Amino acid sequence: MLNLSNRSLLNKTFLADGAFSLLVGAILILGAAPIAAFISPDATSLMMKLLGVGLMAWGIFHLSGARNGGPVSAAARISIAGDILWQVASLALLATAYGSLTAIGVGFVIVGLVGVGDFLFFKVKGFSRERAALA
């Protein structure tokens, strides 16, 4: 069983982000065609599969980073930067493709913004705690 009580906030966040990314990535890969149809008439099954593969890689990165006591400083920085890029890309998608997204598609993008924002908040908080403990 996974003992979380002795892990840092950053480590727990990496575990949660990794598990969630793997789950959503698998859902996107396995249900690519129907999900694409729900999001936009312009979305393709290939787009959903590629997004799913990217999320699977992101999940593996986080789970491997959480091993052996937690992520190193470089992994935390990469993860934080990746989350910020996700936020920017999501806002750009809403700004440029809002008219071609379905209501469900807009909802998915907004839920993604909020979810990634939550992970980002806890990564920044956990990283700053670890940096303060080293000082």
N, C-alpha and C. Protein backbone atom coordinates (compact mmCIF):
# COMPACT_ATOMS: atom_id res chain seq x y z
N MET A 1 0.84 -1.18 0.00
CA MET A 1 0.00 0.00 0.00
C MET A 1 0.88 1.25 0.00
N LEU A 2 0.40 2.28 -0.61
CA LEU A 2 1.14 3.53 -0.74
C LEU A 2 0.94 4.38 0.51
N ASN A 3 2.02 4.58 1.28
CA ASN A 3 1.95 5.39 2.49
C ASN A 3 2.21 6.85 2.13
N LEU A 4 1.18 7.68 2.23
CA LEU A 4 1.31 9.08 1.84
C LEU A 4 1.65 9.99 3.01
N SER A 5 1.58 9.50 4.24
CA SER A 5 1.74 10.37 5.40
C SER A 5 3.14 10.97 5.51
N ASN A 6 4.14 10.28 5.03
CA ASN A 6 5.50 10.79 5.16
C ASN A 6 6.02 11.45 3.87
N ARG A 7 5.16 11.72 2.92
CA ARG A 7 5.56 12.35 1.66
C ARG A 7 5.29 13.84 1.71
N SER A 8 6.10 14.59 1.00
CA SER A 8 5.92 16.04 0.95
C SER A 8 4.72 16.41 0.08
N LEU A 9 4.27 17.65 0.22
CA LEU A 9 3.16 18.14 -0.59
C LEU A 9 3.50 18.05 -2.08
N LEU A 10 4.73 18.40 -2.44
CA LEU A 10 5.14 18.33 -3.84
C LEU A 10 5.10 16.89 -4.34
N ASN A 11 5.58 15.96 -3.53
CA ASN A 11 5.58 14.56 -3.91
C ASN A 11 4.16 14.04 -4.08
N LYS A 12 3.27 14.37 -3.16
CA LYS A 12 1.88 13.95 -3.26
C LYS A 12 1.22 14.53 -4.51
N THR A 13 1.55 15.79 -4.81
CA THR A 13 0.98 16.43 -6.00
C THR A 13 1.48 15.75 -7.26
N PHE A 14 2.76 15.38 -7.29
CA PHE A 14 3.30 14.66 -8.44
C PHE A 14 2.59 13.31 -8.61
N LEU A 15 2.35 12.61 -7.50
CA LEU A 15 1.64 11.34 -7.58
C LEU A 15 0.22 11.53 -8.12
N ALA A 16 -0.48 12.53 -7.60
CA ALA A 16 -1.86 12.77 -8.03
C ALA A 16 -1.90 13.19 -9.50
N ASP A 17 -1.02 14.09 -9.90
CA ASP A 17 -0.98 14.54 -11.29
C ASP A 17 -0.64 13.38 -12.21
N GLY A 18 0.31 12.55 -11.80
CA GLY A 18 0.69 11.40 -12.60
C GLY A 18 -0.45 10.42 -12.80
N ALA A 19 -1.13 10.07 -11.72
CA ALA A 19 -2.24 9.13 -11.80
C ALA A 19 -3.39 9.71 -12.63
N PHE A 20 -3.73 10.97 -12.39
CA PHE A 20 -4.82 11.60 -13.12
C PHE A 20 -4.49 11.71 -14.61
N SER A 21 -3.26 12.08 -14.93
CA SER A 21 -2.86 12.20 -16.34
C SER A 21 -2.91 10.86 -17.05
N LEU A 22 -2.48 9.80 -16.38
CA LEU A 22 -2.56 8.47 -16.98
C LEU A 22 -4.02 8.07 -17.23
N LEU A 23 -4.88 8.34 -16.27
CA LEU A 23 -6.29 7.98 -16.41
C LEU A 23 -6.94 8.75 -17.56
N VAL A 24 -6.76 10.06 -17.59
CA VAL A 24 -7.38 10.87 -18.65
C VAL A 24 -6.77 10.53 -20.00
N GLY A 25 -5.45 10.30 -20.04
CA GLY A 25 -4.81 9.91 -21.29
C GLY A 25 -5.38 8.62 -21.84
N ALA A 26 -5.59 7.64 -20.96
CA ALA A 26 -6.16 6.37 -21.41
C ALA A 26 -7.59 6.56 -21.91
N ILE A 27 -8.37 7.37 -21.21
CA ILE A 27 -9.75 7.64 -21.65
C ILE A 27 -9.75 8.30 -23.03
N LEU A 28 -8.86 9.27 -23.23
CA LEU A 28 -8.80 9.95 -24.53
C LEU A 28 -8.39 9.01 -25.65
N ILE A 29 -7.47 8.12 -25.37
CA ILE A 29 -7.02 7.17 -26.39
C ILE A 29 -8.13 6.17 -26.72
N LEU A 30 -8.75 5.61 -25.69
CA LEU A 30 -9.76 4.56 -25.90
C LEU A 30 -11.07 5.11 -26.44
N GLY A 31 -11.41 6.34 -26.09
CA GLY A 31 -12.68 6.91 -26.55
C GLY A 31 -12.50 8.07 -27.49
N ALA A 32 -11.46 8.04 -28.29
CA ALA A 32 -11.07 9.18 -29.12
C ALA A 32 -12.18 9.67 -30.04
N ALA A 33 -12.81 8.78 -30.76
CA ALA A 33 -13.82 9.21 -31.75
C ALA A 33 -15.04 9.86 -31.09
N PRO A 34 -15.67 9.22 -30.10
CA PRO A 34 -16.83 9.87 -29.50
C PRO A 34 -16.47 11.16 -28.75
N ILE A 35 -15.32 11.19 -28.12
CA ILE A 35 -14.91 12.40 -27.40
C ILE A 35 -14.69 13.54 -28.39
N ALA A 36 -14.04 13.26 -29.49
CA ALA A 36 -13.83 14.29 -30.52
C ALA A 36 -15.15 14.85 -31.01
N ALA A 37 -16.14 14.00 -31.21
CA ALA A 37 -17.45 14.44 -31.69
C ALA A 37 -18.14 15.33 -30.65
N PHE A 38 -17.94 15.04 -29.37
CA PHE A 38 -18.52 15.87 -28.31
C PHE A 38 -17.87 17.24 -28.23
N ILE A 39 -16.58 17.31 -28.52
CA ILE A 39 -15.82 18.56 -28.32
C ILE A 39 -16.05 19.56 -29.43
N SER A 40 -15.96 19.09 -30.66
CA SER A 40 -16.08 20.01 -31.80
C SER A 40 -16.27 19.22 -33.09
N PRO A 41 -17.01 19.79 -34.03
CA PRO A 41 -17.10 19.14 -35.34
C PRO A 41 -15.73 19.12 -36.05
N ASP A 42 -14.84 20.03 -35.66
CA ASP A 42 -13.52 20.10 -36.28
C ASP A 42 -12.49 19.17 -35.62
N ALA A 43 -12.80 18.65 -34.44
CA ALA A 43 -11.87 17.77 -33.73
C ALA A 43 -11.86 16.40 -34.39
N THR A 44 -10.69 15.78 -34.40
CA THR A 44 -10.56 14.45 -35.00
C THR A 44 -10.15 13.43 -33.93
N SER A 45 -10.38 12.19 -34.26
CA SER A 45 -9.97 11.10 -33.39
C SER A 45 -8.45 11.12 -33.17
N LEU A 46 -7.71 11.43 -34.23
CA LEU A 46 -6.25 11.50 -34.11
C LEU A 46 -5.83 12.57 -33.10
N MET A 47 -6.51 13.72 -33.12
CA MET A 47 -6.19 14.79 -32.15
C MET A 47 -6.35 14.27 -30.72
N MET A 48 -7.44 13.58 -30.46
CA MET A 48 -7.70 13.07 -29.11
C MET A 48 -6.67 12.01 -28.72
N LYS A 49 -6.31 11.15 -29.67
CA LYS A 49 -5.31 10.13 -29.37
C LYS A 49 -3.95 10.75 -29.09
N LEU A 50 -3.56 11.76 -29.86
CA LEU A 50 -2.29 12.43 -29.61
C LEU A 50 -2.28 13.14 -28.26
N LEU A 51 -3.39 13.79 -27.93
CA LEU A 51 -3.50 14.41 -26.62
C LEU A 51 -3.41 13.35 -25.53
N GLY A 52 -4.06 12.23 -25.73
CA GLY A 52 -4.00 11.13 -24.77
C GLY A 52 -2.59 10.59 -24.60
N VAL A 53 -1.87 10.42 -25.69
CA VAL A 53 -0.48 9.94 -25.61
C VAL A 53 0.37 10.95 -24.86
N GLY A 54 0.17 12.23 -25.14
CA GLY A 54 0.91 13.27 -24.42
C GLY A 54 0.62 13.24 -22.93
N LEU A 55 -0.64 13.05 -22.57
CA LEU A 55 -0.99 12.98 -21.15
C LEU A 55 -0.42 11.72 -20.50
N MET A 56 -0.36 10.63 -21.25
CA MET A 56 0.25 9.41 -20.71
C MET A 56 1.74 9.66 -20.41
N ALA A 57 2.43 10.32 -21.33
CA ALA A 57 3.85 10.65 -21.10
C ALA A 57 4.00 11.58 -19.90
N TRP A 58 3.10 12.56 -19.79
CA TRP A 58 3.13 13.50 -18.67
C TRP A 58 2.91 12.74 -17.35
N GLY A 59 2.01 11.79 -17.35
CA GLY A 59 1.75 10.99 -16.16
C GLY A 59 2.94 10.15 -15.76
N ILE A 60 3.58 9.52 -16.74
CA ILE A 60 4.77 8.72 -16.47
C ILE A 60 5.88 9.59 -15.91
N PHE A 61 6.06 10.79 -16.49
CA PHE A 61 7.07 11.74 -15.99
C PHE A 61 6.81 12.04 -14.51
N HIS A 62 5.56 12.30 -14.14
CA HIS A 62 5.25 12.66 -12.77
C HIS A 62 5.40 11.48 -11.81
N LEU A 63 4.95 10.32 -12.22
CA LEU A 63 5.08 9.16 -11.34
C LEU A 63 6.54 8.76 -11.16
N SER A 64 7.33 8.86 -12.21
CA SER A 64 8.75 8.55 -12.06
C SER A 64 9.46 9.62 -11.23
N GLY A 65 9.02 10.86 -11.33
CA GLY A 65 9.60 11.94 -10.52
C GLY A 65 9.27 11.82 -9.05
N ALA A 66 8.15 11.18 -8.73
CA ALA A 66 7.73 11.04 -7.34
C ALA A 66 8.43 9.89 -6.62
N ARG A 67 9.16 9.08 -7.37
CA ARG A 67 9.86 7.94 -6.76
C ARG A 67 11.02 8.41 -5.90
N ASN A 68 11.44 7.55 -4.99
CA ASN A 68 12.64 7.76 -4.18
C ASN A 68 12.67 9.11 -3.47
N GLY A 69 11.61 9.46 -2.80
CA GLY A 69 11.62 10.66 -1.99
C GLY A 69 11.11 11.91 -2.65
N GLY A 70 10.79 11.85 -3.89
CA GLY A 70 10.15 13.00 -4.51
C GLY A 70 10.92 13.60 -5.65
N PRO A 71 10.30 14.55 -6.31
CA PRO A 71 10.90 15.13 -7.50
C PRO A 71 12.10 16.01 -7.16
N VAL A 72 13.08 15.99 -8.05
CA VAL A 72 14.21 16.90 -7.92
C VAL A 72 13.77 18.28 -8.39
N SER A 73 14.60 19.25 -8.10
CA SER A 73 14.27 20.64 -8.41
C SER A 73 13.98 20.83 -9.90
N ALA A 74 14.77 20.22 -10.76
CA ALA A 74 14.58 20.39 -12.21
C ALA A 74 13.24 19.82 -12.64
N ALA A 75 12.86 18.67 -12.10
CA ALA A 75 11.56 18.06 -12.46
C ALA A 75 10.41 18.95 -12.00
N ALA A 76 10.54 19.53 -10.82
CA ALA A 76 9.49 20.42 -10.32
C ALA A 76 9.35 21.64 -11.22
N ARG A 77 10.47 22.19 -11.64
CA ARG A 77 10.43 23.36 -12.53
C ARG A 77 9.82 23.02 -13.89
N ILE A 78 10.18 21.87 -14.43
CA ILE A 78 9.61 21.43 -15.71
C ILE A 78 8.10 21.25 -15.57
N SER A 79 7.68 20.63 -14.48
CA SER A 79 6.26 20.39 -14.26
C SER A 79 5.48 21.69 -14.12
N ILE A 80 6.02 22.62 -13.36
CA ILE A 80 5.36 23.92 -13.18
C ILE A 80 5.28 24.66 -14.51
N ALA A 81 6.37 24.64 -15.27
CA ALA A 81 6.37 25.30 -16.58
C ALA A 81 5.36 24.63 -17.52
N GLY A 82 5.28 23.31 -17.47
CA GLY A 82 4.31 22.60 -18.31
C GLY A 82 2.88 22.95 -17.96
N ASP A 83 2.60 23.07 -16.68
CA ASP A 83 1.25 23.46 -16.26
C ASP A 83 0.92 24.88 -16.70
N ILE A 84 1.88 25.77 -16.62
CA ILE A 84 1.66 27.15 -17.07
C ILE A 84 1.40 27.16 -18.58
N LEU A 85 2.16 26.38 -19.33
CA LEU A 85 1.94 26.30 -20.78
C LEU A 85 0.56 25.73 -21.10
N TRP A 86 0.11 24.74 -20.32
CA TRP A 86 -1.23 24.18 -20.52
C TRP A 86 -2.28 25.27 -20.31
N GLN A 87 -2.10 26.09 -19.28
CA GLN A 87 -3.05 27.16 -19.00
C GLN A 87 -3.09 28.15 -20.16
N VAL A 88 -1.93 28.55 -20.63
CA VAL A 88 -1.85 29.51 -21.74
C VAL A 88 -2.47 28.92 -23.00
N ALA A 89 -2.16 27.67 -23.29
CA ALA A 89 -2.71 27.02 -24.49
C ALA A 89 -4.23 26.88 -24.39
N SER A 90 -4.73 26.57 -23.22
CA SER A 90 -6.18 26.44 -23.03
C SER A 90 -6.88 27.77 -23.25
N LEU A 91 -6.30 28.83 -22.70
CA LEU A 91 -6.89 30.16 -22.90
C LEU A 91 -6.83 30.56 -24.37
N ALA A 92 -5.71 30.24 -25.04
CA ALA A 92 -5.59 30.54 -26.47
C ALA A 92 -6.61 29.74 -27.27
N LEU A 93 -6.83 28.49 -26.89
CA LEU A 93 -7.84 27.67 -27.57
C LEU A 93 -9.23 28.28 -27.42
N LEU A 94 -9.56 28.69 -26.20
CA LEU A 94 -10.87 29.32 -25.98
C LEU A 94 -11.00 30.62 -26.77
N ALA A 95 -9.92 31.39 -26.83
CA ALA A 95 -9.97 32.69 -27.52
C ALA A 95 -10.08 32.53 -29.03
N THR A 96 -9.40 31.54 -29.58
CA THR A 96 -9.35 31.42 -31.04
C THR A 96 -10.37 30.45 -31.63
N ALA A 97 -10.77 29.45 -30.86
CA ALA A 97 -11.64 28.42 -31.42
C ALA A 97 -12.97 28.31 -30.68
N TYR A 98 -13.32 29.31 -29.92
CA TYR A 98 -14.55 29.25 -29.13
C TYR A 98 -15.77 28.95 -30.01
N GLY A 99 -15.84 29.59 -31.16
CA GLY A 99 -16.99 29.41 -32.06
C GLY A 99 -17.12 28.01 -32.62
N SER A 100 -16.02 27.27 -32.71
CA SER A 100 -16.10 25.93 -33.26
C SER A 100 -16.20 24.84 -32.19
N LEU A 101 -16.14 25.22 -30.93
CA LEU A 101 -16.28 24.25 -29.86
C LEU A 101 -17.76 24.10 -29.49
N THR A 102 -18.14 22.90 -29.12
CA THR A 102 -19.49 22.70 -28.60
C THR A 102 -19.51 23.18 -27.15
N ALA A 103 -20.68 23.25 -26.56
CA ALA A 103 -20.77 23.63 -25.14
C ALA A 103 -20.01 22.63 -24.28
N ILE A 104 -20.08 21.36 -24.63
CA ILE A 104 -19.32 20.34 -23.91
C ILE A 104 -17.83 20.56 -24.08
N GLY A 105 -17.40 20.92 -25.29
CA GLY A 105 -16.00 21.21 -25.55
C GLY A 105 -15.48 22.37 -24.71
N VAL A 106 -16.27 23.44 -24.66
CA VAL A 106 -15.90 24.59 -23.82
C VAL A 106 -15.81 24.14 -22.37
N GLY A 107 -16.78 23.34 -21.94
CA GLY A 107 -16.76 22.84 -20.57
C GLY A 107 -15.53 22.01 -20.27
N PHE A 108 -15.14 21.13 -21.20
CA PHE A 108 -13.93 20.33 -21.01
C PHE A 108 -12.70 21.21 -20.87
N VAL A 109 -12.59 22.23 -21.70
CA VAL A 109 -11.43 23.13 -21.63
C VAL A 109 -11.42 23.85 -20.29
N ILE A 110 -12.57 24.32 -19.84
CA ILE A 110 -12.63 25.04 -18.56
C ILE A 110 -12.32 24.11 -17.39
N VAL A 111 -12.85 22.90 -17.42
CA VAL A 111 -12.54 21.93 -16.36
C VAL A 111 -11.04 21.63 -16.36
N GLY A 112 -10.44 21.52 -17.55
CA GLY A 112 -9.00 21.31 -17.64
C GLY A 112 -8.22 22.48 -17.06
N LEU A 113 -8.67 23.69 -17.35
CA LEU A 113 -8.03 24.89 -16.79
C LEU A 113 -8.05 24.86 -15.27
N VAL A 114 -9.20 24.55 -14.71
CA VAL A 114 -9.34 24.52 -13.25
C VAL A 114 -8.51 23.39 -12.65
N GLY A 115 -8.59 22.21 -13.24
CA GLY A 115 -7.84 21.06 -12.73
C GLY A 115 -6.34 21.27 -12.77
N VAL A 116 -5.85 21.72 -13.90
CA VAL A 116 -4.41 21.98 -14.02
C VAL A 116 -4.01 23.14 -13.11
N GLY A 117 -4.89 24.12 -12.97
CA GLY A 117 -4.62 25.23 -12.05
C GLY A 117 -4.47 24.75 -10.62
N ASP A 118 -5.29 23.79 -10.22
CA ASP A 118 -5.17 23.22 -8.87
C ASP A 118 -3.83 22.50 -8.70
N PHE A 119 -3.48 21.66 -9.67
CA PHE A 119 -2.18 20.99 -9.59
C PHE A 119 -1.05 22.02 -9.56
N LEU A 120 -1.15 23.05 -10.38
CA LEU A 120 -0.12 24.09 -10.42
C LEU A 120 0.02 24.77 -9.06
N PHE A 121 -1.11 25.11 -8.44
CA PHE A 121 -1.08 25.76 -7.13
C PHE A 121 -0.32 24.90 -6.11
N PHE A 122 -0.66 23.60 -6.04
CA PHE A 122 -0.03 22.74 -5.05
C PHE A 122 1.43 22.44 -5.38
N LYS A 123 1.78 22.42 -6.67
CA LYS A 123 3.19 22.24 -7.03
C LYS A 123 4.01 23.45 -6.61
N VAL A 124 3.51 24.65 -6.88
CA VAL A 124 4.23 25.87 -6.50
C VAL A 124 4.36 25.94 -4.98
N LYS A 125 3.28 25.67 -4.28
CA LYS A 125 3.29 25.71 -2.81
C LYS A 125 4.26 24.66 -2.26
N GLY A 126 4.18 23.44 -2.76
CA GLY A 126 5.07 22.38 -2.30
C GLY A 126 6.53 22.65 -2.62
N PHE A 127 6.77 23.18 -3.81
CA PHE A 127 8.15 23.49 -4.22
C PHE A 127 8.72 24.60 -3.34
N SER A 128 7.92 25.63 -3.06
CA SER A 128 8.41 26.72 -2.22
C SER A 128 8.66 26.25 -0.80
N ARG A 129 7.85 25.32 -0.29
CA ARG A 129 8.11 24.74 1.04
C ARG A 129 9.43 24.00 1.07
N GLU A 130 9.68 23.22 0.03
CA GLU A 130 10.93 22.46 -0.01
C GLU A 130 12.14 23.38 -0.14
N ARG A 131 12.00 24.43 -0.93
CA ARG A 131 13.10 25.40 -1.08
C ARG A 131 13.35 26.12 0.25
N ALA A 132 12.28 26.46 0.96
CA ALA A 132 12.43 27.15 2.25
C ALA A 132 13.08 26.23 3.29
N ALA A 133 12.76 24.94 3.23
CA ALA A 133 13.34 23.98 4.18
C ALA A 133 14.84 23.81 3.94
N LEU A 134 15.27 24.00 2.70
CA LEU A 134 16.70 23.87 2.39
C LEU A 134 17.49 25.11 2.77
N ALA A 135 16.81 26.23 2.88
CA ALA A 135 17.50 27.51 3.17
C ALA A 135 17.89 27.63 4.62
